[in-house]
Amino acid sequence: MKHIIDVENIKCGGCANTIMKTLGKLKGVERVSVDIEQGRVSVDSADDNREQLVVTLLHNGYPEKGTAEGIQAATAKARSFVSCAIGKIG
């Protein structure tokens, strides 16, 4: 099953690395790719786990476009900076 999720806060390769590593650890996930310019995450999965993917992305600071507002959006943005830095190191 292919899932395409448009997300916010993807800025660089560090962000993409974090997303690929984090989602790649989830059960059933076979392949993850990130289009930085489009802010798009594509996931090939053996399972219909879109909701889990979206929750995991939000937890790491990359909410699905149009889903985070106010404090939740600000919190997600702060998390994305940390995830970005971790992705650059790892």
PDB file of N, CA and C in Angstrom:
ATOM      1  N   MET A   1       0.845  -1.166   0.000  1.00  0.00           N
ATOM      2  CA  MET A   1       0.000   0.000   0.000  1.00  0.00           C
ATOM      3  C   MET A   1       0.898   1.238   0.000  1.00  0.00           C
ATOM      4  N   LYS A   2       0.552   2.197  -0.834  1.00  0.00           N
ATOM      5  CA  LYS A   2       1.342   3.431  -0.902  1.00  0.00           C
ATOM      6  C   LYS A   2       0.577   4.555  -0.219  1.00  0.00           C
ATOM      7  N   HIS A   3       1.283   5.249   0.674  1.00  0.00           N
ATOM      8  CA  HIS A   3       0.717   6.402   1.369  1.00  0.00           C
ATOM      9  C   HIS A   3       1.523   7.633   0.965  1.00  0.00           C
ATOM     10  N   ILE A   4       0.834   8.696   0.577  1.00  0.00           N
ATOM     11  CA  ILE A   4       1.491   9.965   0.274  1.00  0.00           C
ATOM     12  C   ILE A   4       0.919  10.995   1.236  1.00  0.00           C
ATOM     13  N   ILE A   5       1.813  11.606   2.022  1.00  0.00           N
ATOM     14  CA  ILE A   5       1.392  12.539   3.053  1.00  0.00           C
ATOM     15  C   ILE A   5       2.127  13.853   2.852  1.00  0.00           C
ATOM     16  N   ASP A   6       1.378  14.923   2.664  1.00  0.00           N
ATOM     17  CA  ASP A   6       1.954  16.269   2.562  1.00  0.00           C
ATOM     18  C   ASP A   6       2.108  16.800   3.978  1.00  0.00           C
ATOM     19  N   VAL A   7       3.342  17.175   4.333  1.00  0.00           N
ATOM     20  CA  VAL A   7       3.623  17.598   5.706  1.00  0.00           C
ATOM     21  C   VAL A   7       4.257  18.981   5.752  1.00  0.00           C
ATOM     22  N   GLU A   8       4.252  19.557   6.933  1.00  0.00           N
ATOM     23  CA  GLU A   8       4.851  20.870   7.157  1.00  0.00           C
ATOM     24  C   GLU A   8       6.222  20.711   7.823  1.00  0.00           C
ATOM     25  N   ASN A   9       7.015  21.758   7.741  1.00  0.00           N
ATOM     26  CA  ASN A   9       8.284  21.900   8.474  1.00  0.00           C
ATOM     27  C   ASN A   9       9.467  21.131   7.907  1.00  0.00           C
ATOM     28  N   ILE A  10       9.366  20.516   6.740  1.00  0.00           N
ATOM     29  CA  ILE A  10      10.534  19.864   6.154  1.00  0.00           C
ATOM     30  C   ILE A  10      11.394  20.952   5.530  1.00  0.00           C
ATOM     31  N   LYS A  11      12.623  21.084   6.016  1.00  0.00           N
ATOM     32  CA  LYS A  11      13.502  22.154   5.559  1.00  0.00           C
ATOM     33  C   LYS A  11      14.753  21.671   4.832  1.00  0.00           C
ATOM     34  N   CYS A  12      15.217  20.455   5.176  1.00  0.00           N
ATOM     35  CA  CYS A  12      16.531  20.054   4.654  1.00  0.00           C
ATOM     36  C   CYS A  12      16.685  18.530   4.679  1.00  0.00           C
ATOM     37  N   GLY A  13      17.866  18.109   4.295  1.00  0.00           N
ATOM     38  CA  GLY A  13      18.190  16.687   4.312  1.00  0.00           C
ATOM     39  C   GLY A  13      18.187  16.097   5.707  1.00  0.00           C
ATOM     40  N   GLY A  14      18.496  16.917   6.714  1.00  0.00           N
ATOM     41  CA  GLY A  14      18.450  16.428   8.096  1.00  0.00           C
ATOM     42  C   GLY A  14      17.034  16.046   8.483  1.00  0.00           C
ATOM     43  N   CYS A  15      16.086  16.879   8.091  1.00  0.00           N
ATOM     44  CA  CYS A  15      14.668  16.577   8.345  1.00  0.00           C
ATOM     45  C   CYS A  15      14.288  15.278   7.627  1.00  0.00           C
ATOM     46  N   ALA A  16      14.678  15.173   6.365  1.00  0.00           N
ATOM     47  CA  ALA A  16      14.351  13.985   5.572  1.00  0.00           C
ATOM     48  C   ALA A  16      14.952  12.731   6.194  1.00  0.00           C
ATOM     49  N   ASN A  17      16.204  12.808   6.655  1.00  0.00           N
ATOM     50  CA  ASN A  17      16.840  11.650   7.282  1.00  0.00           C
ATOM     51  C   ASN A  17      16.079  11.199   8.514  1.00  0.00           C
ATOM     52  N   THR A  18      15.682  12.150   9.352  1.00  0.00           N
ATOM     53  CA  THR A  18      14.937  11.810  10.551  1.00  0.00           C
ATOM     54  C   THR A  18      13.620  11.125  10.195  1.00  0.00           C
ATOM     55  N   ILE A  19      12.906  11.676   9.224  1.00  0.00           N
ATOM     56  CA  ILE A  19      11.633  11.101   8.805  1.00  0.00           C
ATOM     57  C   ILE A  19      11.829   9.683   8.284  1.00  0.00           C
ATOM     58  N   MET A  20      12.821   9.481   7.430  1.00  0.00           N
ATOM     59  CA  MET A  20      13.061   8.155   6.853  1.00  0.00           C
ATOM     60  C   MET A  20      13.433   7.139   7.926  1.00  0.00           C
ATOM     61  N   LYS A  21      14.291   7.528   8.854  1.00  0.00           N
ATOM     62  CA  LYS A  21      14.699   6.609   9.920  1.00  0.00           C
ATOM     63  C   LYS A  21      13.542   6.283  10.851  1.00  0.00           C
ATOM     64  N   THR A  22      12.799   7.309  11.240  1.00  0.00           N
ATOM     65  CA  THR A  22      11.702   7.112  12.191  1.00  0.00           C
ATOM     66  C   THR A  22      10.587   6.258  11.591  1.00  0.00           C
ATOM     67  N   LEU A  23      10.149   6.600  10.391  1.00  0.00           N
ATOM     68  CA  LEU A  23       9.071   5.830   9.776  1.00  0.00           C
ATOM     69  C   LEU A  23       9.543   4.443   9.360  1.00  0.00           C
ATOM     70  N   GLY A  24      10.813   4.332   8.983  1.00  0.00           N
ATOM     71  CA  GLY A  24      11.365   3.044   8.578  1.00  0.00           C
ATOM     72  C   GLY A  24      11.374   2.005   9.685  1.00  0.00           C
ATOM     73  N   LYS A  25      11.282   2.448  10.931  1.00  0.00           N
ATOM     74  CA  LYS A  25      11.263   1.531  12.081  1.00  0.00           C
ATOM     75  C   LYS A  25       9.871   0.973  12.373  1.00  0.00           C
ATOM     76  N   LEU A  26       8.845   1.556  11.763  1.00  0.00           N
ATOM     77  CA  LEU A  26       7.479   1.114  12.041  1.00  0.00           C
ATOM     78  C   LEU A  26       7.179  -0.218  11.357  1.00  0.00           C
ATOM     79  N   LYS A  27       6.375  -1.023  12.021  1.00  0.00           N
ATOM     80  CA  LYS A  27       5.995  -2.337  11.508  1.00  0.00           C
ATOM     81  C   LYS A  27       5.287  -2.190  10.160  1.00  0.00           C
ATOM     82  N   GLY A  28       5.700  -2.984   9.207  1.00  0.00           N
ATOM     83  CA  GLY A  28       5.066  -3.013   7.899  1.00  0.00           C
ATOM     84  C   GLY A  28       5.637  -2.043   6.886  1.00  0.00           C
ATOM     85  N   VAL A  29       6.429  -1.065   7.347  1.00  0.00           N
ATOM     86  CA  VAL A  29       6.975  -0.070   6.424  1.00  0.00           C
ATOM     87  C   VAL A  29       8.118  -0.699   5.621  1.00  0.00           C
ATOM     88  N   GLU A  30       8.006  -0.609   4.310  1.00  0.00           N
ATOM     89  CA  GLU A  30       8.993  -1.209   3.409  1.00  0.00           C
ATOM     90  C   GLU A  30       9.930  -0.173   2.803  1.00  0.00           C
ATOM     91  N   ARG A  31       9.403   1.027   2.540  1.00  0.00           N
ATOM     92  CA  ARG A  31      10.222   2.064   1.892  1.00  0.00           C
ATOM     93  C   ARG A  31       9.652   3.429   2.226  1.00  0.00           C
ATOM     94  N   VAL A  32      10.560   4.381   2.465  1.00  0.00           N
ATOM     95  CA  VAL A  32      10.161   5.758   2.755  1.00  0.00           C
ATOM     96  C   VAL A  32      10.986   6.685   1.875  1.00  0.00           C
ATOM     97  N   SER A  33      10.330   7.640   1.246  1.00  0.00           N
ATOM     98  CA  SER A  33      11.063   8.668   0.512  1.00  0.00           C
ATOM     99  C   SER A  33      10.465  10.022   0.877  1.00  0.00           C
ATOM    100  N   VAL A  34      11.319  11.050   0.803  1.00  0.00           N
ATOM    101  CA  VAL A  34      10.904  12.398   1.185  1.00  0.00           C
ATOM    102  C   VAL A  34      11.270  13.363   0.069  1.00  0.00           C
ATOM    103  N   ASP A  35      10.304  14.132  -0.370  1.00  0.00           N
ATOM    104  CA  ASP A  35      10.525  15.205  -1.338  1.00  0.00           C
ATOM    105  C   ASP A  35      10.558  16.504  -0.534  1.00  0.00           C
ATOM    106  N   ILE A  36      11.753  17.019  -0.290  1.00  0.00           N
ATOM    107  CA  ILE A  36      11.935  18.196   0.560  1.00  0.00           C
ATOM    108  C   ILE A  36      11.221  19.411  -0.030  1.00  0.00           C
ATOM    109  N   GLU A  37      11.396  19.647  -1.316  1.00  0.00           N
ATOM    110  CA  GLU A  37      10.802  20.828  -1.955  1.00  0.00           C
ATOM    111  C   GLU A  37       9.278  20.827  -1.896  1.00  0.00           C
ATOM    112  N   GLN A  38       8.674  19.678  -2.089  1.00  0.00           N
ATOM    113  CA  GLN A  38       7.218  19.566  -2.094  1.00  0.00           C
ATOM    114  C   GLN A  38       6.640  19.356  -0.689  1.00  0.00           C
ATOM    115  N   GLY A  39       7.516  19.006   0.275  1.00  0.00           N
ATOM    116  CA  GLY A  39       7.032  18.707   1.622  1.00  0.00           C
ATOM    117  C   GLY A  39       6.175  17.451   1.628  1.00  0.00           C
ATOM    118  N   ARG A  40       6.621  16.468   0.880  1.00  0.00           N
ATOM    119  CA  ARG A  40       5.820  15.255   0.678  1.00  0.00           C
ATOM    120  C   ARG A  40       6.600  14.012   1.136  1.00  0.00           C
ATOM    121  N   VAL A  41       5.908  13.180   1.894  1.00  0.00           N
ATOM    122  CA  VAL A  41       6.478  11.919   2.364  1.00  0.00           C
ATOM    123  C   VAL A  41       5.702  10.795   1.690  1.00  0.00           C
ATOM    124  N   SER A  42       6.429   9.870   1.066  1.00  0.00           N
ATOM    125  CA  SER A  42       5.821   8.705   0.421  1.00  0.00           C
ATOM    126  C   SER A  42       6.279   7.461   1.163  1.00  0.00           C
ATOM    127  N   VAL A  43       5.328   6.613   1.493  1.00  0.00           N
ATOM    128  CA  VAL A  43       5.629   5.411   2.256  1.00  0.00           C
ATOM    129  C   VAL A  43       4.987   4.211   1.576  1.00  0.00           C
ATOM    130  N   ASP A  44       5.800   3.197   1.304  1.00  0.00           N
ATOM    131  CA  ASP A  44       5.282   1.913   0.840  1.00  0.00           C
ATOM    132  C   ASP A  44       5.216   1.017   2.067  1.00  0.00           C
ATOM    133  N   SER A  45       4.034   0.454   2.311  1.00  0.00           N
ATOM    134  CA  SER A  45       3.826  -0.321   3.518  1.00  0.00           C
ATOM    135  C   SER A  45       3.008  -1.564   3.214  1.00  0.00           C
ATOM    136  N   ALA A  46       3.300  -2.619   3.948  1.00  0.00           N
ATOM    137  CA  ALA A  46       2.522  -3.847   3.826  1.00  0.00           C
ATOM    138  C   ALA A  46       1.174  -3.696   4.513  1.00  0.00           C
ATOM    139  N   ASP A  47       1.054  -2.712   5.393  1.00  0.00           N
ATOM    140  CA  ASP A  47      -0.160  -2.509   6.185  1.00  0.00           C
ATOM    141  C   ASP A  47      -0.851  -1.197   5.812  1.00  0.00           C
ATOM    142  N   ASP A  48      -2.136  -1.103   6.172  1.00  0.00           N
ATOM    143  CA  ASP A  48      -2.859   0.154   6.038  1.00  0.00           C
ATOM    144  C   ASP A  48      -2.664   0.921   7.338  1.00  0.00           C
ATOM    145  N   ASN A  49      -1.491   1.546   7.475  1.00  0.00           N
ATOM    146  CA  ASN A  49      -1.093   2.187   8.735  1.00  0.00           C
ATOM    147  C   ASN A  49      -0.959   3.703   8.593  1.00  0.00           C
ATOM    148  N   ARG A  50      -1.746   4.304   7.707  1.00  0.00           N
ATOM    149  CA  ARG A  50      -1.631   5.745   7.462  1.00  0.00           C
ATOM    150  C   ARG A  50      -1.774   6.554   8.744  1.00  0.00           C
ATOM    151  N   GLU A  51      -2.747   6.200   9.587  1.00  0.00           N
ATOM    152  CA  GLU A  51      -2.963   6.955  10.820  1.00  0.00           C
ATOM    153  C   GLU A  51      -1.723   6.911  11.711  1.00  0.00           C
ATOM    154  N   GLN A  52      -1.097   5.755  11.816  1.00  0.00           N
ATOM    155  CA  GLN A  52       0.126   5.635  12.617  1.00  0.00           C
ATOM    156  C   GLN A  52       1.258   6.474  12.021  1.00  0.00           C
ATOM    157  N   LEU A  53       1.348   6.511  10.714  1.00  0.00           N
ATOM    158  CA  LEU A  53       2.368   7.320  10.043  1.00  0.00           C
ATOM    159  C   LEU A  53       2.164   8.800  10.350  1.00  0.00           C
ATOM    160  N   VAL A  54       0.916   9.268  10.248  1.00  0.00           N
ATOM    161  CA  VAL A  54       0.599  10.676  10.498  1.00  0.00           C
ATOM    162  C   VAL A  54       0.902  11.051  11.950  1.00  0.00           C
ATOM    163  N   VAL A  55       0.540  10.178  12.897  1.00  0.00           N
ATOM    164  CA  VAL A  55       0.804  10.441  14.316  1.00  0.00           C
ATOM    165  C   VAL A  55       2.306  10.486  14.575  1.00  0.00           C
ATOM    166  N   THR A  56       3.044   9.571  13.991  1.00  0.00           N
ATOM    167  CA  THR A  56       4.505   9.539  14.171  1.00  0.00           C
ATOM    168  C   THR A  56       5.149  10.791  13.586  1.00  0.00           C
ATOM    169  N   LEU A  57       4.704  11.199  12.421  1.00  0.00           N
ATOM    170  CA  LEU A  57       5.227  12.433  11.820  1.00  0.00           C
ATOM    171  C   LEU A  57       4.945  13.632  12.717  1.00  0.00           C
ATOM    172  N   LEU A  58       3.730  13.744  13.230  1.00  0.00           N
ATOM    173  CA  LEU A  58       3.372  14.851  14.121  1.00  0.00           C
ATOM    174  C   LEU A  58       4.253  14.846  15.362  1.00  0.00           C
ATOM    175  N   HIS A  59       4.450  13.679  15.944  1.00  0.00           N
ATOM    176  CA  HIS A  59       5.272  13.560  17.157  1.00  0.00           C
ATOM    177  C   HIS A  59       6.705  14.056  16.914  1.00  0.00           C
ATOM    178  N   ASN A  60       7.181  13.901  15.683  1.00  0.00           N
ATOM    179  CA  ASN A  60       8.538  14.329  15.349  1.00  0.00           C
ATOM    180  C   ASN A  60       8.597  15.747  14.799  1.00  0.00           C
ATOM    181  N   GLY A  61       7.444  16.431  14.758  1.00  0.00           N
ATOM    182  CA  GLY A  61       7.436  17.830  14.340  1.00  0.00           C
ATOM    183  C   GLY A  61       7.056  18.078  12.903  1.00  0.00           C
ATOM    184  N   TYR A  62       6.516  17.076  12.245  1.00  0.00           N
ATOM    185  CA  TYR A  62       6.150  17.204  10.836  1.00  0.00           C
ATOM    186  C   TYR A  62       4.671  16.857  10.649  1.00  0.00           C
ATOM    187  N   PRO A  63       3.772  17.767  11.075  1.00  0.00           N
ATOM    188  CA  PRO A  63       2.343  17.461  10.968  1.00  0.00           C
ATOM    189  C   PRO A  63       1.865  17.453   9.522  1.00  0.00           C
ATOM    190  N   GLU A  64       0.828  16.683   9.282  1.00  0.00           N
ATOM    191  CA  GLU A  64       0.205  16.688   7.969  1.00  0.00           C
ATOM    192  C   GLU A  64      -0.320  18.099   7.707  1.00  0.00           C
ATOM    193  N   LYS A  65      -0.138  18.589   6.501  1.00  0.00           N
ATOM    194  CA  LYS A  65      -0.549  19.960   6.167  1.00  0.00           C
ATOM    195  C   LYS A  65      -2.014  20.180   6.509  1.00  0.00           C
ATOM    196  N   GLY A  66      -2.256  21.303   7.171  1.00  0.00           N
ATOM    197  CA  GLY A  66      -3.606  21.684   7.508  1.00  0.00           C
ATOM    198  C   GLY A  66      -4.181  21.060   8.763  1.00  0.00           C
ATOM    199  N   THR A  67      -3.390  20.281   9.502  1.00  0.00           N
ATOM    200  CA  THR A  67      -3.931  19.603  10.682  1.00  0.00           C
ATOM    201  C   THR A  67      -3.499  20.216  12.004  1.00  0.00           C
ATOM    202  N   ALA A  68      -2.436  20.997  12.018  1.00  0.00           N
ATOM    203  CA  ALA A  68      -1.939  21.569  13.277  1.00  0.00           C
ATOM    204  C   ALA A  68      -2.132  23.076  13.265  1.00  0.00           C
ATOM    205  N   GLU A  69      -2.704  23.574  14.360  1.00  0.00           N
ATOM    206  CA  GLU A  69      -2.925  25.013  14.486  1.00  0.00           C
ATOM    207  C   GLU A  69      -2.497  25.477  15.870  1.00  0.00           C
ATOM    208  N   GLY A  70      -2.267  26.771  16.000  1.00  0.00           N
ATOM    209  CA  GLY A  70      -1.969  27.369  17.303  1.00  0.00           C
ATOM    210  C   GLY A  70      -0.783  26.739  18.010  1.00  0.00           C
ATOM    211  N   ILE A  71      -1.002  26.371  19.250  1.00  0.00           N
ATOM    212  CA  ILE A  71       0.084  25.819  20.080  1.00  0.00           C
ATOM    213  C   ILE A  71       0.597  24.513  19.503  1.00  0.00           C
ATOM    214  N   GLN A  72      -0.302  23.694  18.974  1.00  0.00           N
ATOM    215  CA  GLN A  72       0.128  22.424  18.388  1.00  0.00           C
ATOM    216  C   GLN A  72       1.075  22.672  17.214  1.00  0.00           C
ATOM    217  N   ALA A  73       0.800  23.671  16.397  1.00  0.00           N
ATOM    218  CA  ALA A  73       1.664  24.002  15.262  1.00  0.00           C
ATOM    219  C   ALA A  73       3.015  24.526  15.749  1.00  0.00           C
ATOM    220  N   ALA A  74       2.992  25.378  16.783  1.00  0.00           N
ATOM    221  CA  ALA A  74       4.238  25.921  17.337  1.00  0.00           C
ATOM    222  C   ALA A  74       5.075  24.814  17.953  1.00  0.00           C
ATOM    223  N   THR A  75       4.423  23.897  18.652  1.00  0.00           N
ATOM    224  CA  THR A  75       5.136  22.763  19.257  1.00  0.00           C
ATOM    225  C   THR A  75       5.744  21.880  18.174  1.00  0.00           C
ATOM    226  N   ALA A  76       4.990  21.630  17.122  1.00  0.00           N
ATOM    227  CA  ALA A  76       5.493  20.811  16.020  1.00  0.00           C
ATOM    228  C   ALA A  76       6.701  21.466  15.369  1.00  0.00           C
ATOM    229  N   LYS A  77       6.642  22.773  15.194  1.00  0.00           N
ATOM    230  CA  LYS A  77       7.768  23.487  14.582  1.00  0.00           C
ATOM    231  C   LYS A  77       9.021  23.358  15.452  1.00  0.00           C
ATOM    232  N   ALA A  78       8.868  23.498  16.763  1.00  0.00           N
ATOM    233  CA  ALA A  78      10.008  23.349  17.678  1.00  0.00           C
ATOM    234  C   ALA A  78      10.566  21.930  17.612  1.00  0.00           C
ATOM    235  N   ARG A  79       9.688  20.937  17.575  1.00  0.00           N
ATOM    236  CA  ARG A  79      10.150  19.544  17.476  1.00  0.00           C
ATOM    237  C   ARG A  79      10.886  19.298  16.171  1.00  0.00           C
ATOM    238  N   SER A  80      10.423  19.942  15.102  1.00  0.00           N
ATOM    239  CA  SER A  80      11.067  19.731  13.805  1.00  0.00           C
ATOM    240  C   SER A  80      12.504  20.248  13.810  1.00  0.00           C
ATOM    241  N   PHE A  81      12.768  21.330  14.555  1.00  0.00           N
ATOM    242  CA  PHE A  81      14.144  21.834  14.649  1.00  0.00           C
ATOM    243  C   PHE A  81      15.041  20.802  15.310  1.00  0.00           C
ATOM    244  N   VAL A  82      14.541  20.162  16.359  1.00  0.00           N
ATOM    245  CA  VAL A  82      15.318  19.124  17.052  1.00  0.00           C
ATOM    246  C   VAL A  82      15.500  17.924  16.141  1.00  0.00           C
ATOM    247  N   SER A  83      14.423  17.478  15.483  1.00  0.00           N
ATOM    248  CA  SER A  83      14.515  16.348  14.571  1.00  0.00           C
ATOM    249  C   SER A  83      15.483  16.625  13.429  1.00  0.00           C
ATOM    250  N   CYS A  84      15.458  17.840  12.934  1.00  0.00           N
ATOM    251  CA  CYS A  84      16.354  18.260  11.864  1.00  0.00           C
ATOM    252  C   CYS A  84      17.810  18.110  12.302  1.00  0.00           C
ATOM    253  N   ALA A  85      18.109  18.626  13.490  1.00  0.00           N
ATOM    254  CA  ALA A  85      19.479  18.553  14.012  1.00  0.00           C
ATOM    255  C   ALA A  85      19.915  17.111  14.205  1.00  0.00           C
ATOM    256  N   ILE A  86      19.027  16.284  14.730  1.00  0.00           N
ATOM    257  CA  ILE A  86      19.358  14.876  14.940  1.00  0.00           C
ATOM    258  C   ILE A  86      19.608  14.200  13.599  1.00  0.00           C
ATOM    259  N   GLY A  87      18.812  14.530  12.596  1.00  0.00           N
ATOM    260  CA  GLY A  87      18.969  13.948  11.262  1.00  0.00           C
ATOM    261  C   GLY A  87      20.273  14.349  10.611  1.00  0.00           C
ATOM    262  N   LYS A  88      20.764  15.523  10.910  1.00  0.00           N
ATOM    263  CA  LYS A  88      22.046  15.973  10.352  1.00  0.00           C
ATOM    264  C   LYS A  88      23.210  15.237  10.993  1.00  0.00           C
ATOM    265  N   ILE A  89      23.070  14.889  12.270  1.00  0.00           N
ATOM    266  CA  ILE A  89      24.137  14.196  12.998  1.00  0.00           C
ATOM    267  C   ILE A  89      24.181  12.725  12.614  1.00  0.00           C
ATOM    268  N   GLY A  90      22.992  12.112  12.550  1.00  0.00           N
ATOM    269  CA  GLY A  90      22.893  10.653  12.338  1.00  0.00           C
ATOM    270  C   GLY A  90      22.990  10.271  10.965  1.00  0.00           C
TER     271      GLY A  90
END
